[in-house]
PDB file of all heavy atoms in Angstrom:
ATOM      1  N   ASP A   1     -11.313   1.537 -69.972  1.00  0.00           N
ATOM      2  CA  ASP A   1     -11.217   1.186 -68.557  1.00  0.00           C
ATOM      3  C   ASP A   1     -10.214   0.077 -68.277  1.00  0.00           C
ATOM      4  O   ASP A   1     -10.238  -0.536 -67.214  1.00  0.00           O
ATOM      5  CB  ASP A   1     -12.593   0.790 -68.019  1.00  0.00           C
ATOM      6  CG  ASP A   1     -13.200  -0.377 -68.794  1.00  0.00           C
ATOM      7  OD1 ASP A   1     -12.603  -0.811 -69.797  1.00  0.00           O
ATOM      8  OD2 ASP A   1     -14.285  -0.844 -68.396  1.00  0.00           O
ATOM      9  N   GLN A   2      -9.303  -0.199 -69.219  1.00  0.00           N
ATOM     10  CA  GLN A   2      -8.306  -1.238 -69.013  1.00  0.00           C
ATOM     11  C   GLN A   2      -7.379  -0.883 -67.851  1.00  0.00           C
ATOM     12  O   GLN A   2      -6.980   0.273 -67.680  1.00  0.00           O
ATOM     13  CB  GLN A   2      -7.466  -1.437 -70.282  1.00  0.00           C
ATOM     14  CG  GLN A   2      -6.330  -2.435 -70.124  1.00  0.00           C
ATOM     15  CD  GLN A   2      -5.391  -2.441 -71.320  1.00  0.00           C
ATOM     16  OE1 GLN A   2      -5.764  -2.010 -72.411  1.00  0.00           O
ATOM     17  NE2 GLN A   2      -4.167  -2.910 -71.126  1.00  0.00           N
ATOM     18  N   MET A   3      -7.037  -1.876 -67.044  1.00  0.00           N
ATOM     19  CA  MET A   3      -6.060  -1.666 -65.976  1.00  0.00           C
ATOM     20  C   MET A   3      -4.689  -1.461 -66.607  1.00  0.00           C
ATOM     21  O   MET A   3      -4.313  -2.166 -67.553  1.00  0.00           O
ATOM     22  CB  MET A   3      -6.025  -2.872 -65.037  1.00  0.00           C
ATOM     23  CG  MET A   3      -7.318  -3.111 -64.279  1.00  0.00           C
ATOM     24  SD  MET A   3      -7.644  -1.848 -63.027  1.00  0.00           S
ATOM     25  CE  MET A   3      -6.401  -2.260 -61.822  1.00  0.00           C
ATOM     26  N   LEU A   4      -3.916  -0.513 -66.083  1.00  0.00           N
ATOM     27  CA  LEU A   4      -2.572  -0.290 -66.613  1.00  0.00           C
ATOM     28  C   LEU A   4      -1.674  -1.474 -66.254  1.00  0.00           C
ATOM     29  O   LEU A   4      -1.639  -1.895 -65.102  1.00  0.00           O
ATOM     30  CB  LEU A   4      -1.985   0.997 -66.043  1.00  0.00           C
ATOM     31  CG  LEU A   4      -2.681   2.299 -66.438  1.00  0.00           C
ATOM     32  CD1 LEU A   4      -2.000   3.481 -65.772  1.00  0.00           C
ATOM     33  CD2 LEU A   4      -2.697   2.476 -67.941  1.00  0.00           C
ATOM     34  N   PRO A   5      -0.934  -2.025 -67.219  1.00  0.00           N
ATOM     35  CA  PRO A   5      -0.097  -3.198 -66.940  1.00  0.00           C
ATOM     36  C   PRO A   5       1.140  -2.878 -66.093  1.00  0.00           C
ATOM     37  O   PRO A   5       1.727  -3.770 -65.509  1.00  0.00           O
ATOM     38  CB  PRO A   5       0.306  -3.691 -68.336  1.00  0.00           C
ATOM     39  CG  PRO A   5       0.244  -2.473 -69.195  1.00  0.00           C
ATOM     40  CD  PRO A   5      -0.891  -1.651 -68.639  1.00  0.00           C
ATOM     41  N   LEU A   6       1.533  -1.610 -66.031  1.00  0.00           N
ATOM     42  CA  LEU A   6       2.689  -1.222 -65.234  1.00  0.00           C
ATOM     43  C   LEU A   6       2.618   0.280 -64.976  1.00  0.00           C
ATOM     44  O   LEU A   6       1.811   0.983 -65.568  1.00  0.00           O
ATOM     45  CB  LEU A   6       3.997  -1.578 -65.925  1.00  0.00           C
ATOM     46  CG  LEU A   6       4.443  -0.751 -67.156  1.00  0.00           C
ATOM     47  CD1 LEU A   6       5.887  -1.083 -67.471  1.00  0.00           C
ATOM     48  CD2 LEU A   6       3.582  -1.069 -68.378  1.00  0.00           C
ATOM     49  N   ALA A   7       3.477   0.738 -64.074  1.00  0.00           N
ATOM     50  CA  ALA A   7       3.480   2.158 -63.731  1.00  0.00           C
ATOM     51  C   ALA A   7       4.002   2.985 -64.902  1.00  0.00           C
ATOM     52  O   ALA A   7       4.866   2.542 -65.663  1.00  0.00           O
ATOM     53  CB  ALA A   7       4.348   2.401 -62.499  1.00  0.00           C
ATOM     54  N   THR A   8       3.463   4.177 -65.065  1.00  0.00           N
ATOM     55  CA  THR A   8       3.922   5.092 -66.104  1.00  0.00           C
ATOM     56  C   THR A   8       4.505   6.335 -65.440  1.00  0.00           C
ATOM     57  O   THR A   8       4.187   6.647 -64.295  1.00  0.00           O
ATOM     58  CB  THR A   8       2.770   5.506 -67.041  1.00  0.00           C
ATOM     59  OG1 THR A   8       1.795   6.242 -66.281  1.00  0.00           O
ATOM     60  CG2 THR A   8       2.108   4.284 -67.661  1.00  0.00           C
ATOM     61  N   LYS A   9       5.358   7.050 -66.166  1.00  0.00           N
ATOM     62  CA  LYS A   9       5.960   8.273 -65.652  1.00  0.00           C
ATOM     63  C   LYS A   9       5.731   9.408 -66.636  1.00  0.00           C
ATOM     64  O   LYS A   9       5.733   9.207 -67.847  1.00  0.00           O
ATOM     65  CB  LYS A   9       7.470   8.095 -65.425  1.00  0.00           C
ATOM     66  CG  LYS A   9       7.823   7.244 -64.223  1.00  0.00           C
ATOM     67  CD  LYS A   9       9.326   7.283 -63.960  1.00  0.00           C
ATOM     68  CE  LYS A   9       9.680   6.507 -62.697  1.00  0.00           C
ATOM     69  NZ  LYS A   9      11.134   6.566 -62.385  1.00  0.00           N
ATOM     70  N   GLU A  10       5.539  10.598 -66.103  1.00  0.00           N
ATOM     71  CA  GLU A  10       5.358  11.790 -66.930  1.00  0.00           C
ATOM     72  C   GLU A  10       6.118  12.933 -66.288  1.00  0.00           C
ATOM     73  O   GLU A  10       5.900  13.246 -65.114  1.00  0.00           O
ATOM     74  CB  GLU A  10       3.870  12.138 -67.044  1.00  0.00           C
ATOM     75  CG  GLU A  10       3.598  13.378 -67.877  1.00  0.00           C
ATOM     76  CD  GLU A  10       2.105  13.680 -67.993  1.00  0.00           C
ATOM     77  OE1 GLU A  10       1.334  13.085 -67.232  1.00  0.00           O
ATOM     78  OE2 GLU A  10       1.737  14.501 -68.828  1.00  0.00           O
ATOM     79  N   ARG A  11       7.030  13.549 -67.006  1.00  0.00           N
ATOM     80  CA  ARG A  11       7.807  14.655 -66.467  1.00  0.00           C
ATOM     81  C   ARG A  11       7.049  15.961 -66.674  1.00  0.00           C
ATOM     82  O   ARG A  11       6.489  16.204 -67.740  1.00  0.00           O
ATOM     83  CB  ARG A  11       9.179  14.742 -67.144  1.00  0.00           C
ATOM     84  CG  ARG A  11      10.068  15.834 -66.544  1.00  0.00           C
ATOM     85  CD  ARG A  11      11.468  15.807 -67.143  1.00  0.00           C
ATOM     86  NE  ARG A  11      12.297  16.842 -66.578  1.00  0.00           N
ATOM     87  CZ  ARG A  11      12.985  16.746 -65.445  1.00  0.00           C
ATOM     88  NH1 ARG A  11      12.917  15.629 -64.752  1.00  0.00           N
ATOM     89  NH2 ARG A  11      13.733  17.732 -64.991  1.00  0.00           N
ATOM     90  N   ILE A  12       7.007  16.774 -65.641  1.00  0.00           N
ATOM     91  CA  ILE A  12       6.339  18.070 -65.701  1.00  0.00           C
ATOM     92  C   ILE A  12       7.394  19.147 -65.859  1.00  0.00           C
ATOM     93  O   ILE A  12       8.314  19.251 -65.040  1.00  0.00           O
ATOM     94  CB  ILE A  12       5.515  18.324 -64.424  1.00  0.00           C
ATOM     95  CG1 ILE A  12       4.427  17.249 -64.272  1.00  0.00           C
ATOM     96  CG2 ILE A  12       4.874  19.698 -64.464  1.00  0.00           C
ATOM     97  CD1 ILE A  12       3.698  17.329 -62.958  1.00  0.00           C
ATOM     98  N   ASP A  13       7.297  19.941 -66.909  1.00  0.00           N
ATOM     99  CA  ASP A  13       8.278  20.997 -67.163  1.00  0.00           C
ATOM    100  C   ASP A  13       7.628  22.373 -66.999  1.00  0.00           C
ATOM    101  O   ASP A  13       6.629  22.678 -67.656  1.00  0.00           O
ATOM    102  CB  ASP A  13       8.848  20.872 -68.581  1.00  0.00           C
ATOM    103  CG  ASP A  13       9.722  19.637 -68.738  1.00  0.00           C
ATOM    104  OD1 ASP A  13      10.571  19.400 -67.851  1.00  0.00           O
ATOM    105  OD2 ASP A  13       9.556  18.926 -69.726  1.00  0.00           O
ATOM    106  N   PHE A  14       8.172  23.168 -66.111  1.00  0.00           N
ATOM    107  CA  PHE A  14       7.757  24.558 -65.992  1.00  0.00           C
ATOM    108  C   PHE A  14       8.900  25.314 -65.341  1.00  0.00           C
ATOM    109  O   PHE A  14       9.770  24.713 -64.704  1.00  0.00           O
ATOM    110  CB  PHE A  14       6.457  24.710 -65.190  1.00  0.00           C
ATOM    111  CG  PHE A  14       6.568  24.278 -63.751  1.00  0.00           C
ATOM    112  CD1 PHE A  14       6.824  25.196 -62.739  1.00  0.00           C
ATOM    113  CD2 PHE A  14       6.404  22.949 -63.397  1.00  0.00           C
ATOM    114  CE1 PHE A  14       6.921  24.802 -61.427  1.00  0.00           C
ATOM    115  CE2 PHE A  14       6.499  22.549 -62.075  1.00  0.00           C
ATOM    116  CZ  PHE A  14       6.753  23.473 -61.088  1.00  0.00           C
ATOM    117  N   LEU A  15       8.928  26.613 -65.507  1.00  0.00           N
ATOM    118  CA  LEU A  15      10.041  27.413 -65.009  1.00  0.00           C
ATOM    119  C   LEU A  15       9.515  28.517 -64.100  1.00  0.00           C
ATOM    120  O   LEU A  15       9.157  29.596 -64.564  1.00  0.00           O
ATOM    121  CB  LEU A  15      10.822  28.020 -66.189  1.00  0.00           C
ATOM    122  CG  LEU A  15      12.103  28.775 -65.816  1.00  0.00           C
ATOM    123  CD1 LEU A  15      13.111  27.822 -65.181  1.00  0.00           C
ATOM    124  CD2 LEU A  15      12.710  29.418 -67.064  1.00  0.00           C
ATOM    125  N   PRO A  16       9.440  28.258 -62.791  1.00  0.00           N
ATOM    126  CA  PRO A  16       9.004  29.321 -61.873  1.00  0.00           C
ATOM    127  C   PRO A  16      10.156  30.269 -61.583  1.00  0.00           C
ATOM    128  O   PRO A  16      11.320  29.930 -61.802  1.00  0.00           O
ATOM    129  CB  PRO A  16       8.636  28.533 -60.610  1.00  0.00           C
ATOM    130  CG  PRO A  16       9.575  27.372 -60.630  1.00  0.00           C
ATOM    131  CD  PRO A  16       9.763  27.013 -62.084  1.00  0.00           C
ATOM    132  N   HIS A  17       9.834  31.441 -61.096  1.00  0.00           N
ATOM    133  CA  HIS A  17      10.881  32.334 -60.611  1.00  0.00           C
ATOM    134  C   HIS A  17      11.530  31.662 -59.404  1.00  0.00           C
ATOM    135  O   HIS A  17      10.843  31.072 -58.567  1.00  0.00           O
ATOM    136  CB  HIS A  17      10.281  33.677 -60.212  1.00  0.00           C
ATOM    137  CG  HIS A  17      11.325  34.727 -59.925  1.00  0.00           C
ATOM    138  ND1 HIS A  17      11.997  34.787 -58.724  1.00  0.00           N
ATOM    139  CD2 HIS A  17      11.814  35.735 -60.684  1.00  0.00           C
ATOM    140  CE1 HIS A  17      12.855  35.791 -58.747  1.00  0.00           C
ATOM    141  NE2 HIS A  17      12.765  36.384 -59.925  1.00  0.00           N
ATOM    142  N   TYR A  18      12.847  31.725 -59.297  1.00  0.00           N
ATOM    143  CA  TYR A  18      13.530  30.978 -58.238  1.00  0.00           C
ATOM    144  C   TYR A  18      13.065  31.390 -56.850  1.00  0.00           C
ATOM    145  O   TYR A  18      13.087  30.597 -55.908  1.00  0.00           O
ATOM    146  CB  TYR A  18      15.048  31.137 -58.358  1.00  0.00           C
ATOM    147  CG  TYR A  18      15.559  32.545 -58.224  1.00  0.00           C
ATOM    148  CD1 TYR A  18      15.858  33.078 -56.981  1.00  0.00           C
ATOM    149  CD2 TYR A  18      15.746  33.347 -59.354  1.00  0.00           C
ATOM    150  CE1 TYR A  18      16.328  34.370 -56.851  1.00  0.00           C
ATOM    151  CE2 TYR A  18      16.210  34.648 -59.231  1.00  0.00           C
ATOM    152  CZ  TYR A  18      16.510  35.151 -57.982  1.00  0.00           C
ATOM    153  OH  TYR A  18      16.967  36.434 -57.870  1.00  0.00           O
ATOM    154  N   ASP A  19      12.625  32.648 -56.691  1.00  0.00           N
ATOM    155  CA  ASP A  19      12.180  33.088 -55.372  1.00  0.00           C
ATOM    156  C   ASP A  19      10.978  32.293 -54.873  1.00  0.00           C
ATOM    157  O   ASP A  19      10.802  32.109 -53.667  1.00  0.00           O
ATOM    158  CB  ASP A  19      11.814  34.577 -55.400  1.00  0.00           C
ATOM    159  CG  ASP A  19      13.045  35.457 -55.241  1.00  0.00           C
ATOM    160  OD1 ASP A  19      14.112  34.906 -54.907  1.00  0.00           O
ATOM    161  OD2 ASP A  19      12.935  36.671 -55.456  1.00  0.00           O
ATOM    162  N   THR A  20      10.127  31.825 -55.818  1.00  0.00           N
ATOM    163  CA  THR A  20       8.921  31.119 -55.374  1.00  0.00           C
ATOM    164  C   THR A  20       9.266  29.805 -54.715  1.00  0.00           C
ATOM    165  O   THR A  20       8.465  29.274 -53.950  1.00  0.00           O
ATOM    166  CB  THR A  20       7.968  30.857 -56.560  1.00  0.00           C
ATOM    167  OG1 THR A  20       8.628  30.036 -57.529  1.00  0.00           O
ATOM    168  CG2 THR A  20       7.511  32.146 -57.195  1.00  0.00           C
ATOM    169  N   LEU A  21      10.446  29.262 -55.007  1.00  0.00           N
ATOM    170  CA  LEU A  21      10.867  28.035 -54.335  1.00  0.00           C
ATOM    171  C   LEU A  21      11.842  28.329 -53.212  1.00  0.00           C
ATOM    172  O   LEU A  21      11.680  27.862 -52.087  1.00  0.00           O
ATOM    173  CB  LEU A  21      11.509  27.065 -55.335  1.00  0.00           C
ATOM    174  CG  LEU A  21      11.975  25.759 -54.690  1.00  0.00           C
ATOM    175  CD1 LEU A  21      10.768  24.957 -54.218  1.00  0.00           C
ATOM    176  CD2 LEU A  21      12.790  24.935 -55.649  1.00  0.00           C
ATOM    177  N   VAL A  22      12.854  29.127 -53.501  1.00  0.00           N
ATOM    178  CA  VAL A  22      13.916  29.362 -52.518  1.00  0.00           C
ATOM    179  C   VAL A  22      13.357  30.056 -51.270  1.00  0.00           C
ATOM    180  O   VAL A  22      13.691  29.714 -50.141  1.00  0.00           O
ATOM    181  CB  VAL A  22      15.053  30.189 -53.148  1.00  0.00           C
ATOM    182  CG1 VAL A  22      16.097  30.535 -52.100  1.00  0.00           C
ATOM    183  CG2 VAL A  22      15.695  29.403 -54.283  1.00  0.00           C
ATOM    184  N   LYS A  23      12.479  31.039 -51.485  1.00  0.00           N
ATOM    185  CA  LYS A  23      11.906  31.745 -50.336  1.00  0.00           C
ATOM    186  C   LYS A  23      10.697  31.003 -49.783  1.00  0.00           C
ATOM    187  O   LYS A  23      10.446  31.030 -48.578  1.00  0.00           O
ATOM    188  CB  LYS A  23      11.548  33.178 -50.734  1.00  0.00           C
ATOM    189  CG  LYS A  23      12.792  34.002 -51.062  1.00  0.00           C
ATOM    190  CD  LYS A  23      12.448  35.457 -51.321  1.00  0.00           C
ATOM    191  CE  LYS A  23      13.716  36.271 -51.599  1.00  0.00           C
ATOM    192  NZ  LYS A  23      13.430  37.686 -51.883  1.00  0.00           N
ATOM    193  N   SER A  24       9.932  30.372 -50.661  1.00  0.00           N
ATOM    194  CA  SER A  24       8.896  29.423 -50.247  1.00  0.00           C
ATOM    195  C   SER A  24       8.004  29.920 -49.119  1.00  0.00           C
ATOM    196  O   SER A  24       7.763  29.228 -48.138  1.00  0.00           O
ATOM    197  CB  SER A  24       9.554  28.105 -49.828  1.00  0.00           C
ATOM    198  OG  SER A  24      10.336  27.572 -50.857  1.00  0.00           O
ATOM    199  N   GLY A  25       7.509  31.120 -49.256  1.00  0.00           N
ATOM    200  CA  GLY A  25       6.619  31.630 -48.226  1.00  0.00           C
ATOM    201  C   GLY A  25       7.324  32.096 -46.970  1.00  0.00           C
ATOM    202  O   GLY A  25       6.686  32.349 -45.955  1.00  0.00           O
ATOM    203  N   MET A  26       8.659  32.183 -47.012  1.00  0.00           N
ATOM    204  CA  MET A  26       9.404  32.535 -45.807  1.00  0.00           C
ATOM    205  C   MET A  26       8.971  33.898 -45.260  1.00  0.00           C
ATOM    206  O   MET A  26       8.839  34.084 -44.051  1.00  0.00           O
ATOM    207  CB  MET A  26      10.910  32.566 -46.099  1.00  0.00           C
ATOM    208  CG  MET A  26      11.519  31.201 -46.355  1.00  0.00           C
ATOM    209  SD  MET A  26      11.432  30.145 -44.898  1.00  0.00           S
ATOM    210  CE  MET A  26      12.379  28.737 -45.475  1.00  0.00           C
ATOM    211  N   TYR A  27       8.736  34.849 -46.175  1.00  0.00           N
ATOM    212  CA  TYR A  27       8.370  36.184 -45.686  1.00  0.00           C
ATOM    213  C   TYR A  27       7.083  36.101 -44.875  1.00  0.00           C
ATOM    214  O   TYR A  27       6.975  36.650 -43.780  1.00  0.00           O
ATOM    215  CB  TYR A  27       8.197  37.160 -46.849  1.00  0.00           C
ATOM    216  CG  TYR A  27       7.619  38.486 -46.406  1.00  0.00           C
ATOM    217  CD1 TYR A  27       8.417  39.444 -45.774  1.00  0.00           C
ATOM    218  CD2 TYR A  27       6.265  38.763 -46.573  1.00  0.00           C
ATOM    219  CE1 TYR A  27       7.893  40.638 -45.336  1.00  0.00           C
ATOM    220  CE2 TYR A  27       5.727  39.961 -46.132  1.00  0.00           C
ATOM    221  CZ  TYR A  27       6.542  40.896 -45.513  1.00  0.00           C
ATOM    222  OH  TYR A  27       6.014  42.069 -45.068  1.00  0.00           O
ATOM    223  N   GLU A  28       6.083  35.392 -45.441  1.00  0.00           N
ATOM    224  CA  GLU A  28       4.805  35.299 -44.754  1.00  0.00           C
ATOM    225  C   GLU A  28       4.961  34.602 -43.399  1.00  0.00           C
ATOM    226  O   GLU A  28       4.405  35.034 -42.387  1.00  0.00           O
ATOM    227  CB  GLU A  28       3.788  34.538 -45.620  1.00  0.00           C
ATOM    228  CG  GLU A  28       3.335  35.299 -46.863  1.00  0.00           C
ATOM    229  CD  GLU A  28       4.271  35.080 -48.055  1.00  0.00           C
ATOM    230  OE1 GLU A  28       5.363  34.517 -47.850  1.00  0.00           O
ATOM    231  OE2 GLU A  28       3.903  35.471 -49.169  1.00  0.00           O
ATOM    232  N   TYR A  29       5.730  33.507 -43.371  1.00  0.00           N
ATOM    233  CA  TYR A  29       5.840  32.751 -42.131  1.00  0.00           C
ATOM    234  C   TYR A  29       6.666  33.485 -41.083  1.00  0.00           C
ATOM    235  O   TYR A  29       6.319  33.506 -39.906  1.00  0.00           O
ATOM    236  CB  TYR A  29       6.435  31.370 -42.415  1.00  0.00           C
ATOM    237  CG  TYR A  29       5.467  30.459 -43.128  1.00  0.00           C
ATOM    238  CD1 TYR A  29       5.736  29.962 -44.397  1.00  0.00           C
ATOM    239  CD2 TYR A  29       4.250  30.121 -42.534  1.00  0.00           C
ATOM    240  CE1 TYR A  29       4.829  29.143 -45.050  1.00  0.00           C
ATOM    241  CE2 TYR A  29       3.343  29.302 -43.177  1.00  0.00           C
ATOM    242  CZ  TYR A  29       3.633  28.811 -44.431  1.00  0.00           C
ATOM    243  OH  TYR A  29       2.737  28.012 -45.072  1.00  0.00           O
ATOM    244  N   TYR A  30       7.775  34.098 -41.498  1.00  0.00           N
ATOM    245  CA  TYR A  30       8.603  34.783 -40.522  1.00  0.00           C
ATOM    246  C   TYR A  30       8.015  36.139 -40.118  1.00  0.00           C
ATOM    247  O   TYR A  30       8.470  36.752 -39.158  1.00  0.00           O
ATOM    248  CB  TYR A  30      10.028  34.953 -41.056  1.00  0.00           C
ATOM    249  CG  TYR A  30      10.814  33.670 -41.027  1.00  0.00           C
ATOM    250  CD1 TYR A  30      11.532  33.239 -42.134  1.00  0.00           C
ATOM    251  CD2 TYR A  30      10.832  32.874 -39.888  1.00  0.00           C
ATOM    252  CE1 TYR A  30      12.248  32.045 -42.115  1.00  0.00           C
ATOM    253  CE2 TYR A  30      11.537  31.677 -39.853  1.00  0.00           C
ATOM    254  CZ  TYR A  30      12.245  31.265 -40.962  1.00  0.00           C
ATOM    255  OH  TYR A  30      12.940  30.089 -40.942  1.00  0.00           O
TER     256      TYR A  30
END
């Protein structure tokens, strides 16, 4: 339960299909 002495960073790596970001629900919304 020690308090963290400073902020930490963690990089998240994953590879989605580009359509899931570029289109980003556009079909559903439009």
